[in-house]
């Protein structure tokens, strides 16, 4: 998959400027907290390389335990006995804003099969950036799958080796990494991705 330089740059800016945002993005306001504490168990994955062999493939993904925007518990992994697709998104990312409605459509039309667990991770939250807050954005897009709200320090994104948005991590049923990809996916690219876990 091609990685868009602008998305990579945006991801780098988000990582680099997050400290400057302070706690504004996690403060409780009319929309509730947009960041939540996250705990990590296991070993973090290496960052996704721009090309070549992905060193994370075959490795056991770390377990993330956190909450959604409403404070309900959300766990990403451990092994569920089913393949799992984790979609990392940032509310200000134009490619995420394009991809989330596509994924919602693919869920509705069966392009994402029922045998696949899907969870989103909302990360890179910046209260001063466009399309804030992410909770309202995802609700507006009719996202119905679980959402883990990442910490203000982006611990979930870092643990899974995020380098750009949107970011897909597909896990086998035993929670090992099958494939990772970044950038917008076409329906054909999604099918190719899912074929790696037999779906």
N, C-alpha and C. Protein backbone atom coordinates (compact mmCIF):
# COMPACT_ATOMS: atom_id res chain seq x y z
N UNK A 1 0.84 -1.17 0.00
CA UNK A 1 0.00 0.00 0.00
C UNK A 1 0.89 1.25 0.00
N UNK A 2 0.45 2.24 -0.66
CA UNK A 2 1.24 3.46 -0.66
C UNK A 2 0.93 4.26 0.59
N UNK A 3 1.93 4.95 1.08
CA UNK A 3 1.75 5.83 2.23
C UNK A 3 1.82 7.25 1.73
N UNK A 4 0.88 8.03 2.12
CA UNK A 4 0.81 9.41 1.66
C UNK A 4 1.70 10.28 2.53
N UNK A 5 2.60 11.00 1.88
CA UNK A 5 3.56 11.81 2.62
C UNK A 5 2.87 12.82 3.53
N UNK A 6 1.77 13.36 3.06
CA UNK A 6 1.09 14.36 3.88
C UNK A 6 0.53 13.75 5.15
N UNK A 7 0.06 12.50 5.07
CA UNK A 7 -0.46 11.84 6.25
C UNK A 7 0.67 11.53 7.21
N UNK A 8 1.81 11.09 6.67
CA UNK A 8 2.96 10.81 7.50
C UNK A 8 3.42 12.06 8.22
N UNK A 9 3.45 13.15 7.50
CA UNK A 9 3.85 14.41 8.10
C UNK A 9 2.85 14.81 9.18
N UNK A 10 1.57 14.64 8.89
CA UNK A 10 0.55 14.99 9.88
C UNK A 10 0.70 14.14 11.14
N UNK A 11 1.00 12.84 10.96
CA UNK A 11 1.18 11.96 12.11
C UNK A 11 2.39 12.41 12.92
N UNK A 12 3.46 12.78 12.22
CA UNK A 12 4.65 13.25 12.91
C UNK A 12 4.38 14.53 13.67
N UNK A 13 3.61 15.42 13.06
CA UNK A 13 3.28 16.66 13.75
C UNK A 13 2.43 16.40 14.98
N UNK A 14 1.50 15.45 14.84
CA UNK A 14 0.65 15.13 15.99
C UNK A 14 1.48 14.57 17.13
N UNK A 15 2.42 13.67 16.81
CA UNK A 15 3.27 13.10 17.85
C UNK A 15 4.16 14.16 18.45
N UNK A 16 4.68 15.04 17.60
CA UNK A 16 5.64 16.03 18.05
C UNK A 16 5.01 17.18 18.81
N UNK A 17 3.74 17.49 18.50
CA UNK A 17 3.13 18.67 19.12
C UNK A 17 2.14 18.32 20.21
N UNK A 18 1.98 17.04 20.48
CA UNK A 18 0.98 16.64 21.47
C UNK A 18 1.26 17.25 22.83
N UNK A 19 2.55 17.30 23.20
CA UNK A 19 2.88 17.86 24.51
C UNK A 19 2.48 19.32 24.59
N UNK A 20 2.55 20.02 23.46
CA UNK A 20 2.20 21.44 23.46
C UNK A 20 0.71 21.64 23.64
N UNK A 21 -0.08 20.60 23.39
CA UNK A 21 -1.52 20.72 23.52
C UNK A 21 -1.96 20.64 24.98
N UNK A 22 -1.05 20.19 25.86
CA UNK A 22 -1.40 20.08 27.26
C UNK A 22 -2.51 19.07 27.46
N UNK A 23 -3.34 19.31 28.45
CA UNK A 23 -4.43 18.39 28.76
C UNK A 23 -5.75 18.84 28.18
N UNK A 24 -5.75 19.86 27.29
CA UNK A 24 -7.01 20.35 26.74
C UNK A 24 -7.83 19.25 26.12
N UNK A 25 -7.15 18.30 25.42
CA UNK A 25 -7.88 17.27 24.68
C UNK A 25 -8.49 16.22 25.60
N UNK A 26 -8.02 16.14 26.84
CA UNK A 26 -8.56 15.11 27.73
C UNK A 26 -9.45 15.69 28.83
N UNK A 27 -9.61 16.99 28.84
CA UNK A 27 -10.43 17.58 29.89
C UNK A 27 -11.90 17.31 29.64
N UNK A 28 -12.61 17.09 30.72
CA UNK A 28 -14.03 16.82 30.59
C UNK A 28 -14.75 18.14 30.36
N UNK A 29 -15.52 18.19 29.31
CA UNK A 29 -16.31 19.35 28.99
C UNK A 29 -17.69 18.89 28.61
N UNK A 30 -18.43 19.67 27.83
CA UNK A 30 -19.76 19.27 27.42
C UNK A 30 -19.78 17.96 26.66
N UNK A 31 -18.66 17.63 25.98
CA UNK A 31 -18.63 16.41 25.17
C UNK A 31 -18.01 15.25 25.93
N UNK A 32 -17.52 15.47 27.13
CA UNK A 32 -16.89 14.41 27.90
C UNK A 32 -15.44 14.23 27.49
N UNK A 33 -14.73 13.40 28.23
CA UNK A 33 -13.31 13.22 27.95
C UNK A 33 -13.07 12.52 26.61
N UNK A 34 -12.17 13.06 25.84
CA UNK A 34 -11.86 12.49 24.52
C UNK A 34 -10.62 11.61 24.57
N UNK A 35 -9.88 11.68 25.66
CA UNK A 35 -8.77 10.78 25.94
C UNK A 35 -9.09 10.04 27.23
N UNK A 36 -8.61 8.81 27.33
CA UNK A 36 -8.81 8.01 28.53
C UNK A 36 -7.48 7.34 28.88
N UNK A 37 -7.27 7.01 30.14
CA UNK A 37 -6.06 6.26 30.50
C UNK A 37 -6.06 4.90 29.81
N UNK A 38 -4.87 4.47 29.43
CA UNK A 38 -4.71 3.18 28.76
C UNK A 38 -3.60 2.40 29.46
N UNK A 39 -3.82 1.11 29.70
CA UNK A 39 -2.75 0.28 30.22
C UNK A 39 -2.34 -0.72 29.15
N UNK A 40 -1.06 -1.02 29.11
CA UNK A 40 -0.46 -1.87 28.09
C UNK A 40 0.13 -3.10 28.74
N UNK A 41 -0.18 -4.27 28.19
CA UNK A 41 0.45 -5.51 28.63
C UNK A 41 1.08 -6.17 27.41
N UNK A 42 2.28 -6.66 27.57
CA UNK A 42 2.98 -7.28 26.45
C UNK A 42 4.01 -6.33 25.87
N UNK A 43 4.52 -6.70 24.72
CA UNK A 43 5.60 -5.96 24.07
C UNK A 43 5.06 -5.10 22.94
N UNK A 44 5.46 -3.84 22.93
CA UNK A 44 5.05 -2.93 21.86
C UNK A 44 5.62 -3.40 20.53
N UNK A 45 4.89 -3.12 19.46
CA UNK A 45 5.33 -3.48 18.11
C UNK A 45 6.25 -2.40 17.56
N UNK A 46 7.19 -2.82 16.72
CA UNK A 46 8.07 -1.86 16.05
C UNK A 46 7.24 -0.99 15.12
N UNK A 47 7.68 0.24 14.86
CA UNK A 47 6.96 1.09 13.90
C UNK A 47 6.86 0.42 12.53
N UNK A 48 5.76 0.68 11.84
CA UNK A 48 5.56 0.13 10.50
C UNK A 48 6.57 0.77 9.56
N UNK A 49 7.40 -0.03 8.88
CA UNK A 49 8.38 0.55 7.96
C UNK A 49 7.71 1.08 6.69
N UNK A 50 8.39 2.00 6.02
CA UNK A 50 7.86 2.56 4.77
C UNK A 50 7.78 1.52 3.67
N UNK A 51 8.70 0.56 3.68
CA UNK A 51 8.67 -0.51 2.68
C UNK A 51 9.45 -1.70 3.22
N UNK A 52 9.38 -2.79 2.48
CA UNK A 52 10.08 -4.00 2.91
C UNK A 52 9.26 -4.83 3.87
N UNK A 53 9.92 -5.77 4.51
CA UNK A 53 9.27 -6.71 5.41
C UNK A 53 8.86 -6.02 6.70
N UNK A 54 7.63 -6.27 7.12
CA UNK A 54 7.12 -5.71 8.38
C UNK A 54 7.61 -6.60 9.52
N UNK A 55 8.43 -6.07 10.44
CA UNK A 55 8.95 -6.89 11.53
C UNK A 55 7.90 -7.33 12.55
N UNK A 56 6.72 -6.74 12.50
CA UNK A 56 5.68 -7.09 13.48
C UNK A 56 4.88 -8.32 13.06
N UNK A 57 4.91 -8.68 11.79
CA UNK A 57 4.11 -9.82 11.33
C UNK A 57 4.55 -11.09 12.06
N UNK A 58 3.57 -11.79 12.62
CA UNK A 58 3.84 -13.00 13.38
C UNK A 58 4.08 -12.76 14.86
N UNK A 59 4.27 -11.51 15.25
CA UNK A 59 4.47 -11.19 16.67
C UNK A 59 3.12 -11.08 17.37
N UNK A 60 3.10 -11.39 18.64
CA UNK A 60 1.88 -11.22 19.43
C UNK A 60 1.66 -9.74 19.71
N UNK A 61 0.48 -9.27 19.40
CA UNK A 61 0.15 -7.86 19.63
C UNK A 61 0.00 -7.60 21.12
N UNK A 62 0.35 -6.40 21.55
CA UNK A 62 0.13 -6.07 22.96
C UNK A 62 -1.36 -5.97 23.27
N UNK A 63 -1.69 -6.10 24.52
CA UNK A 63 -3.07 -5.94 24.97
C UNK A 63 -3.25 -4.52 25.51
N UNK A 64 -4.28 -3.86 25.02
CA UNK A 64 -4.62 -2.51 25.48
C UNK A 64 -5.90 -2.60 26.30
N UNK A 65 -5.87 -2.02 27.47
CA UNK A 65 -7.07 -1.94 28.30
C UNK A 65 -7.35 -0.48 28.57
N UNK A 66 -8.54 -0.05 28.23
CA UNK A 66 -8.89 1.35 28.41
C UNK A 66 -10.38 1.53 28.44
N UNK A 67 -10.84 2.68 27.95
CA UNK A 67 -12.26 3.01 27.99
C UNK A 67 -12.68 3.69 26.70
N UNK A 68 -13.98 3.68 26.46
CA UNK A 68 -14.52 4.46 25.35
C UNK A 68 -14.81 5.88 25.84
N UNK A 69 -15.42 6.69 25.00
CA UNK A 69 -15.68 8.08 25.36
C UNK A 69 -16.63 8.22 26.54
N UNK A 70 -17.45 7.19 26.78
CA UNK A 70 -18.42 7.23 27.88
C UNK A 70 -17.88 6.61 29.16
N UNK A 71 -16.65 6.11 29.10
CA UNK A 71 -16.05 5.50 30.28
C UNK A 71 -16.28 4.02 30.41
N UNK A 72 -16.87 3.38 29.38
CA UNK A 72 -17.06 1.94 29.40
C UNK A 72 -15.75 1.24 29.05
N UNK A 73 -15.49 0.10 29.69
CA UNK A 73 -14.25 -0.64 29.47
C UNK A 73 -14.16 -1.17 28.04
N UNK A 74 -12.99 -1.03 27.44
CA UNK A 74 -12.69 -1.57 26.11
C UNK A 74 -11.33 -2.23 26.18
N UNK A 75 -11.25 -3.46 25.68
CA UNK A 75 -9.97 -4.17 25.63
C UNK A 75 -9.67 -4.53 24.18
N UNK A 76 -8.47 -4.23 23.75
CA UNK A 76 -8.02 -4.59 22.41
C UNK A 76 -7.04 -5.73 22.57
N UNK A 77 -7.44 -6.94 22.06
CA UNK A 77 -6.82 -8.22 22.35
C UNK A 77 -7.09 -8.50 23.83
N UNK A 78 -6.82 -9.58 24.44
CA UNK A 78 -6.10 -10.74 23.96
C UNK A 78 -6.90 -11.56 22.96
N UNK A 79 -6.38 -12.73 22.64
CA UNK A 79 -6.98 -13.58 21.61
C UNK A 79 -8.47 -13.78 21.87
N UNK A 80 -9.25 -13.56 20.83
CA UNK A 80 -10.70 -13.72 20.93
C UNK A 80 -11.18 -14.98 20.22
N UNK A 81 -10.25 -15.68 19.57
CA UNK A 81 -10.64 -16.85 18.78
C UNK A 81 -11.14 -16.46 17.40
N UNK A 82 -11.13 -15.16 17.11
CA UNK A 82 -11.54 -14.65 15.80
C UNK A 82 -10.52 -13.61 15.36
N UNK A 83 -10.35 -13.43 14.06
CA UNK A 83 -9.49 -12.35 13.59
C UNK A 83 -10.05 -11.00 14.04
N UNK A 84 -9.16 -10.03 14.23
CA UNK A 84 -9.57 -8.71 14.69
C UNK A 84 -8.87 -7.65 13.86
N UNK A 85 -9.65 -6.67 13.41
CA UNK A 85 -9.11 -5.53 12.67
C UNK A 85 -9.19 -4.31 13.59
N UNK A 86 -8.04 -3.67 13.78
CA UNK A 86 -7.98 -2.47 14.61
C UNK A 86 -7.71 -1.29 13.67
N UNK A 87 -8.57 -0.30 13.74
CA UNK A 87 -8.46 0.89 12.89
C UNK A 87 -8.14 2.10 13.76
N UNK A 88 -6.94 2.65 13.57
CA UNK A 88 -6.52 3.85 14.30
C UNK A 88 -6.86 5.07 13.47
N UNK A 89 -7.57 6.02 14.08
CA UNK A 89 -8.00 7.22 13.36
C UNK A 89 -7.75 8.46 14.21
N UNK A 90 -7.56 9.58 13.51
CA UNK A 90 -7.45 10.89 14.15
C UNK A 90 -8.53 11.79 13.57
N UNK A 91 -9.23 12.50 14.42
CA UNK A 91 -10.38 13.30 13.99
C UNK A 91 -10.02 14.38 12.98
N UNK A 92 -8.80 14.89 13.02
CA UNK A 92 -8.38 16.00 12.15
C UNK A 92 -7.80 15.53 10.83
N UNK A 93 -7.59 14.23 10.67
CA UNK A 93 -6.95 13.67 9.48
C UNK A 93 -7.96 13.56 8.34
N UNK A 94 -7.72 14.25 7.20
CA UNK A 94 -8.68 14.19 6.10
C UNK A 94 -8.84 12.79 5.53
N UNK A 95 -7.78 11.99 5.58
CA UNK A 95 -7.86 10.62 5.05
C UNK A 95 -8.70 9.73 5.98
N UNK A 96 -8.63 9.99 7.28
CA UNK A 96 -9.50 9.28 8.22
C UNK A 96 -10.96 9.69 8.01
N UNK A 97 -11.18 10.98 7.76
CA UNK A 97 -12.53 11.47 7.53
C UNK A 97 -13.13 10.85 6.27
N UNK A 98 -12.27 10.49 5.31
CA UNK A 98 -12.75 9.81 4.10
C UNK A 98 -12.93 8.31 4.33
N UNK A 99 -12.05 7.73 5.15
CA UNK A 99 -12.05 6.27 5.32
C UNK A 99 -13.13 5.76 6.25
N UNK A 100 -13.41 6.49 7.32
CA UNK A 100 -14.40 6.00 8.29
C UNK A 100 -15.76 5.77 7.63
N UNK A 101 -16.30 6.70 6.81
CA UNK A 101 -17.58 6.41 6.15
C UNK A 101 -17.51 5.19 5.23
N UNK A 102 -16.35 4.99 4.59
CA UNK A 102 -16.18 3.79 3.74
C UNK A 102 -16.29 2.52 4.57
N UNK A 103 -15.61 2.51 5.71
CA UNK A 103 -15.64 1.32 6.56
C UNK A 103 -17.05 1.07 7.07
N UNK A 104 -17.76 2.14 7.43
CA UNK A 104 -19.16 2.00 7.86
C UNK A 104 -19.99 1.39 6.73
N UNK A 105 -19.75 1.83 5.50
CA UNK A 105 -20.47 1.28 4.35
C UNK A 105 -20.12 -0.18 4.13
N UNK A 106 -18.82 -0.51 4.26
CA UNK A 106 -18.39 -1.89 4.08
C UNK A 106 -18.99 -2.81 5.14
N UNK A 107 -19.15 -2.29 6.35
CA UNK A 107 -19.83 -3.07 7.38
C UNK A 107 -21.28 -3.34 6.99
N UNK A 108 -21.93 -2.32 6.47
CA UNK A 108 -23.35 -2.45 6.10
C UNK A 108 -23.57 -3.38 4.93
N UNK A 109 -22.65 -3.37 3.95
CA UNK A 109 -22.87 -4.19 2.76
C UNK A 109 -22.20 -5.57 2.82
N UNK A 110 -21.59 -5.89 3.95
CA UNK A 110 -20.99 -7.21 4.12
C UNK A 110 -19.58 -7.36 3.60
N UNK A 111 -18.97 -6.28 3.13
CA UNK A 111 -17.58 -6.35 2.67
C UNK A 111 -16.63 -6.68 3.82
N UNK A 112 -17.03 -6.27 5.03
CA UNK A 112 -16.32 -6.70 6.23
C UNK A 112 -17.15 -7.82 6.82
N UNK A 113 -16.65 -9.06 6.76
CA UNK A 113 -17.47 -10.21 7.15
C UNK A 113 -17.78 -10.26 8.63
N UNK A 114 -18.86 -10.95 8.96
CA UNK A 114 -19.32 -11.07 10.35
C UNK A 114 -18.31 -11.81 11.21
N UNK A 115 -17.44 -12.61 10.62
CA UNK A 115 -16.46 -13.38 11.38
C UNK A 115 -15.25 -12.58 11.82
N UNK A 116 -15.28 -11.28 11.61
CA UNK A 116 -14.16 -10.40 11.95
C UNK A 116 -14.59 -9.43 13.04
N UNK A 117 -13.80 -9.35 14.11
CA UNK A 117 -14.05 -8.34 15.13
C UNK A 117 -13.39 -7.05 14.68
N UNK A 118 -14.05 -5.93 14.85
CA UNK A 118 -13.54 -4.63 14.44
C UNK A 118 -13.61 -3.68 15.61
N UNK A 119 -12.53 -2.96 15.85
CA UNK A 119 -12.49 -1.96 16.90
C UNK A 119 -11.71 -0.76 16.38
N UNK A 120 -12.14 0.42 16.76
CA UNK A 120 -11.41 1.64 16.39
C UNK A 120 -10.66 2.16 17.60
N UNK A 121 -9.55 2.82 17.33
CA UNK A 121 -8.82 3.53 18.37
C UNK A 121 -8.77 4.99 17.93
N UNK A 122 -9.36 5.86 18.72
CA UNK A 122 -9.31 7.30 18.47
C UNK A 122 -8.07 7.84 19.14
N UNK A 123 -7.16 8.39 18.34
CA UNK A 123 -5.87 8.83 18.88
C UNK A 123 -5.48 10.16 18.26
N UNK A 124 -4.38 10.74 18.75
CA UNK A 124 -3.91 12.01 18.21
C UNK A 124 -4.87 13.17 18.46
N UNK A 125 -5.65 13.09 19.52
CA UNK A 125 -6.69 14.09 19.77
C UNK A 125 -6.07 15.46 20.08
N UNK A 126 -6.58 16.47 19.39
CA UNK A 126 -6.15 17.84 19.63
C UNK A 126 -7.39 18.74 19.62
N UNK A 127 -7.67 19.32 20.76
CA UNK A 127 -8.88 20.14 20.89
C UNK A 127 -8.88 21.34 19.95
N UNK A 128 -7.70 21.82 19.57
CA UNK A 128 -7.61 22.98 18.69
C UNK A 128 -7.62 22.62 17.21
N UNK A 129 -7.64 21.34 16.90
CA UNK A 129 -7.58 20.88 15.51
C UNK A 129 -8.99 20.74 14.94
N UNK A 130 -9.11 20.68 13.61
CA UNK A 130 -10.43 20.56 12.98
C UNK A 130 -11.16 19.28 13.38
N UNK A 131 -12.47 19.34 13.26
CA UNK A 131 -13.34 18.19 13.42
C UNK A 131 -13.35 17.64 14.85
N UNK A 132 -13.03 18.47 15.81
CA UNK A 132 -13.07 18.08 17.21
C UNK A 132 -14.51 18.24 17.72
N UNK A 133 -15.01 17.37 18.55
CA UNK A 133 -14.36 16.23 19.20
C UNK A 133 -14.56 14.94 18.42
N UNK A 134 -13.66 13.99 18.58
CA UNK A 134 -13.80 12.73 17.83
C UNK A 134 -15.05 11.95 18.18
N UNK A 135 -15.52 12.05 19.42
CA UNK A 135 -16.73 11.30 19.80
C UNK A 135 -17.92 11.73 18.94
N UNK A 136 -18.07 13.03 18.71
CA UNK A 136 -19.19 13.51 17.89
C UNK A 136 -18.98 13.15 16.43
N UNK A 137 -17.74 13.23 15.97
CA UNK A 137 -17.44 12.87 14.58
C UNK A 137 -17.82 11.42 14.30
N UNK A 138 -17.37 10.49 15.16
CA UNK A 138 -17.66 9.08 14.92
C UNK A 138 -19.15 8.79 15.04
N UNK A 139 -19.82 9.45 15.96
CA UNK A 139 -21.28 9.28 16.08
C UNK A 139 -21.97 9.77 14.82
N UNK A 140 -21.52 10.92 14.29
CA UNK A 140 -22.12 11.47 13.06
C UNK A 140 -21.94 10.53 11.88
N UNK A 141 -20.82 9.80 11.88
CA UNK A 141 -20.55 8.85 10.79
C UNK A 141 -21.24 7.50 11.01
N UNK A 142 -22.02 7.38 12.07
CA UNK A 142 -22.75 6.15 12.40
C UNK A 142 -21.83 4.98 12.71
N UNK A 143 -20.68 5.28 13.34
CA UNK A 143 -19.77 4.22 13.77
C UNK A 143 -20.41 3.49 14.95
N UNK A 144 -20.61 2.17 14.82
CA UNK A 144 -21.29 1.40 15.85
C UNK A 144 -20.40 0.39 16.55
N UNK A 145 -19.18 0.23 16.09
CA UNK A 145 -18.26 -0.74 16.70
C UNK A 145 -17.55 -0.09 17.89
N UNK A 146 -16.95 -0.92 18.75
CA UNK A 146 -16.28 -0.35 19.93
C UNK A 146 -15.18 0.64 19.54
N UNK A 147 -14.99 1.64 20.39
CA UNK A 147 -13.93 2.64 20.20
C UNK A 147 -13.14 2.74 21.50
N UNK A 148 -11.84 2.56 21.40
CA UNK A 148 -10.97 2.81 22.53
C UNK A 148 -10.45 4.23 22.39
N UNK A 149 -10.65 5.04 23.41
CA UNK A 149 -10.13 6.41 23.40
C UNK A 149 -8.70 6.35 23.92
N UNK A 150 -7.74 6.69 23.07
CA UNK A 150 -6.34 6.62 23.44
C UNK A 150 -6.01 7.66 24.51
N UNK A 151 -4.89 7.45 25.19
CA UNK A 151 -4.42 8.41 26.17
C UNK A 151 -3.89 9.66 25.47
N UNK A 152 -3.74 10.74 26.21
CA UNK A 152 -3.20 11.97 25.64
C UNK A 152 -1.78 11.78 25.13
N UNK A 153 -1.05 10.81 25.69
CA UNK A 153 0.31 10.52 25.25
C UNK A 153 0.34 9.54 24.08
N UNK A 154 -0.82 9.17 23.57
CA UNK A 154 -0.94 8.27 22.41
C UNK A 154 -0.28 6.91 22.67
N UNK A 155 -0.46 6.38 23.87
CA UNK A 155 0.18 5.12 24.23
C UNK A 155 -0.28 3.95 23.35
N UNK A 156 -1.55 3.92 22.99
CA UNK A 156 -2.06 2.83 22.14
C UNK A 156 -1.43 2.88 20.76
N UNK A 157 -1.42 4.07 20.17
CA UNK A 157 -0.84 4.24 18.83
C UNK A 157 0.62 3.85 18.81
N UNK A 158 1.35 4.29 19.82
CA UNK A 158 2.79 3.97 19.88
C UNK A 158 3.00 2.48 20.08
N UNK A 159 2.15 1.83 20.89
CA UNK A 159 2.30 0.40 21.17
C UNK A 159 2.09 -0.44 19.92
N UNK A 160 1.30 0.07 18.97
CA UNK A 160 1.04 -0.69 17.74
C UNK A 160 1.87 -0.19 16.56
N UNK A 161 2.82 0.71 16.81
CA UNK A 161 3.76 1.13 15.77
C UNK A 161 3.18 2.05 14.72
N UNK A 162 2.17 2.85 15.09
CA UNK A 162 1.55 3.76 14.13
C UNK A 162 2.57 4.76 13.58
N UNK A 163 2.54 4.92 12.26
CA UNK A 163 3.40 5.90 11.60
C UNK A 163 2.61 6.91 10.78
N UNK A 164 1.36 6.59 10.42
CA UNK A 164 0.51 7.50 9.66
C UNK A 164 -0.94 7.05 9.78
N UNK A 165 -1.84 7.90 9.34
CA UNK A 165 -3.28 7.66 9.46
C UNK A 165 -3.93 7.56 8.07
N UNK A 166 -5.07 6.87 7.99
CA UNK A 166 -5.57 5.87 8.93
C UNK A 166 -4.62 4.69 8.97
N UNK A 167 -4.70 3.94 10.04
CA UNK A 167 -3.74 2.87 10.28
C UNK A 167 -4.50 1.60 10.63
N UNK A 168 -4.24 0.54 9.88
CA UNK A 168 -4.94 -0.73 10.04
C UNK A 168 -3.98 -1.78 10.59
N UNK A 169 -4.41 -2.50 11.61
CA UNK A 169 -3.66 -3.64 12.13
C UNK A 169 -4.62 -4.82 12.14
N UNK A 170 -4.30 -5.83 11.36
CA UNK A 170 -5.13 -7.04 11.28
C UNK A 170 -4.46 -8.15 12.07
N UNK A 171 -5.18 -8.69 13.04
CA UNK A 171 -4.66 -9.75 13.90
C UNK A 171 -5.29 -11.09 13.54
N UNK A 172 -4.48 -12.13 13.63
CA UNK A 172 -5.00 -13.49 13.52
C UNK A 172 -5.82 -13.81 14.76
N UNK A 173 -6.50 -14.95 14.74
CA UNK A 173 -7.35 -15.34 15.87
C UNK A 173 -6.55 -15.52 17.16
N UNK A 174 -5.24 -15.79 17.04
CA UNK A 174 -4.40 -15.95 18.23
C UNK A 174 -3.72 -14.66 18.67
N UNK A 175 -4.14 -13.53 18.11
CA UNK A 175 -3.63 -12.19 18.42
C UNK A 175 -2.23 -11.91 17.91
N UNK A 176 -1.75 -12.73 16.98
CA UNK A 176 -0.51 -12.38 16.30
C UNK A 176 -0.84 -11.47 15.12
N UNK A 177 0.12 -10.63 14.76
CA UNK A 177 -0.10 -9.68 13.67
C UNK A 177 -0.08 -10.41 12.33
N UNK A 178 -1.14 -10.25 11.56
CA UNK A 178 -1.20 -10.81 10.20
C UNK A 178 -0.65 -9.82 9.19
N UNK A 179 -1.07 -8.57 9.31
CA UNK A 179 -0.63 -7.53 8.37
C UNK A 179 -0.96 -6.16 8.97
N UNK A 180 -0.13 -5.16 8.61
CA UNK A 180 -0.42 -3.77 8.98
C UNK A 180 -0.38 -2.93 7.70
N UNK A 181 -1.20 -1.89 7.66
CA UNK A 181 -1.26 -1.03 6.48
C UNK A 181 -1.65 0.37 6.92
N UNK A 182 -1.20 1.37 6.16
CA UNK A 182 -1.60 2.74 6.46
C UNK A 182 -2.06 3.42 5.18
N UNK A 183 -2.81 4.48 5.35
CA UNK A 183 -3.39 5.18 4.21
C UNK A 183 -4.78 4.66 3.92
N UNK A 184 -5.48 5.36 3.04
CA UNK A 184 -6.82 4.94 2.66
C UNK A 184 -6.77 3.63 1.87
N UNK A 185 -7.71 2.72 2.16
CA UNK A 185 -7.81 1.45 1.45
C UNK A 185 -9.00 1.48 0.51
N UNK A 186 -8.82 0.87 -0.65
CA UNK A 186 -9.94 0.63 -1.55
C UNK A 186 -10.62 -0.67 -1.10
N UNK A 187 -11.78 -0.95 -1.66
CA UNK A 187 -12.46 -2.21 -1.34
C UNK A 187 -11.59 -3.41 -1.74
N UNK A 188 -10.92 -3.31 -2.89
CA UNK A 188 -10.05 -4.40 -3.34
C UNK A 188 -8.88 -4.59 -2.39
N UNK A 189 -8.32 -3.50 -1.89
CA UNK A 189 -7.21 -3.60 -0.94
C UNK A 189 -7.68 -4.19 0.38
N UNK A 190 -8.90 -3.84 0.79
CA UNK A 190 -9.46 -4.43 2.00
C UNK A 190 -9.60 -5.94 1.84
N UNK A 191 -10.12 -6.37 0.70
CA UNK A 191 -10.30 -7.82 0.47
C UNK A 191 -8.96 -8.54 0.51
N UNK A 192 -7.94 -7.92 -0.08
CA UNK A 192 -6.60 -8.52 -0.08
C UNK A 192 -6.07 -8.61 1.35
N UNK A 193 -6.33 -7.59 2.14
CA UNK A 193 -5.93 -7.58 3.54
C UNK A 193 -6.60 -8.72 4.29
N UNK A 194 -7.92 -8.84 4.14
CA UNK A 194 -8.68 -9.86 4.87
C UNK A 194 -8.32 -11.28 4.43
N UNK A 195 -7.87 -11.42 3.20
CA UNK A 195 -7.48 -12.74 2.69
C UNK A 195 -6.31 -13.31 3.47
N UNK A 196 -5.51 -12.45 4.10
CA UNK A 196 -4.36 -12.95 4.87
C UNK A 196 -4.80 -13.73 6.11
N UNK A 197 -6.04 -13.54 6.54
CA UNK A 197 -6.55 -14.31 7.68
C UNK A 197 -7.67 -15.25 7.24
N UNK A 198 -7.78 -15.51 5.94
CA UNK A 198 -8.74 -16.46 5.42
C UNK A 198 -10.16 -15.97 5.34
N UNK A 199 -10.36 -14.65 5.30
CA UNK A 199 -11.73 -14.11 5.20
C UNK A 199 -11.99 -13.56 3.80
